Amino acid sequence: MTITTTLPTIALHTGARPQPTTRSRSDDFSTLPAALRSEWIKVRSLRSTPGLLGGVVVIGVLLSWILATFVKTDPNTHLPFEIGQTFVFSTWLTMVLAIVMGTLSFTSEVQHGTLPTAVTTQPARWVIVAAKAVVGSGLGLAMGILGMAAGFSGAVLGGLKAGNTSGSLATAGWGLLLTTLAPMLGLGIGMIIRHSAAATTSVLIWALVIENITKSFAPAKFTRLLPFSAAAGLLGIRTAGDNAKTLASALTRVQDAFVFSGYVALAIAIGTALLYRKDAS
């Protein structure tokens, strides 16, 4: 497949008839490494990046330590908290922060006016999306690892016993899959909303308020298909809006992975389509 473009500015300067140029799909693929390097530089230069990484560590340590020191007993099971259980609790918040980071990777370019330059430099806009998705997913994976390590450290500092750790490795794997996918969901949301404050607020309100309220009146077979319900299912934890009906209708982790991945794919597809249709400014 080839893409044909024209260069009208040549005619303005030389008076010559503009000649079409072609760009093949292989040419687009060849620019991907440079796009990845560019996105990595942007992520490193954002002030929010070290803040989010530091926030993940602080939240992980504090949450586990508070549960171990002050709460001590799981209010749902009335059993003492254990390391094999609590190390992953902060991962849900890590996932939310990773989504926010993904939205900022696009909305910050719109806010600072660098998107038109990026599009001019790289006319194949799907390459921009792919580069942001890859770099964001890598950062999300790092956030997941840091968050779990911090959660484990907080639980140890709080004096919790190891407990049953037979399923901890699987839980950690599903949690890392979640934090790796989360920035791509955020990227899609950012491309759709295009405003940093609006995109971030939408994510937080939906995750912390709307889904929990929805669970109180909507059928459990519907609410289990919501994105953050699927995220909680991947981690094997309960959210504030869960009840006996939602727990009884819970999906398997494989099904939850497909549900969350579906939202990621939908958000990226809509966002990419809008990126091609809308003006870059």
Foldseek 3Di string as FASTA:
>chain_A
DKDKDWDVVVCVVPVDDIDIDIDDPVNLVVCLVVLLVVLLVVLVPDPVNVVLLVVLLVQLQVVLLCCLAPVQADPVVRHGDALLQFLCPSLLVLLLSLLLSLLCSQLVCVVVVNQVVVCVVRVPVVSNLVSSLVSSLVSLLVSLVSNSVSNSVNNVVSPHHNPDNPCSVQLSVLSSLSSSLSSLLSNLLNLVVSHSVVSSVVSCCVQQPVLLVCLVPPQLLVSLLDLSVLVCQSNVHDDPNDDPRNVVNHDHNVVSSVSNVVSSVVSSVVSSVSCVVDDSD
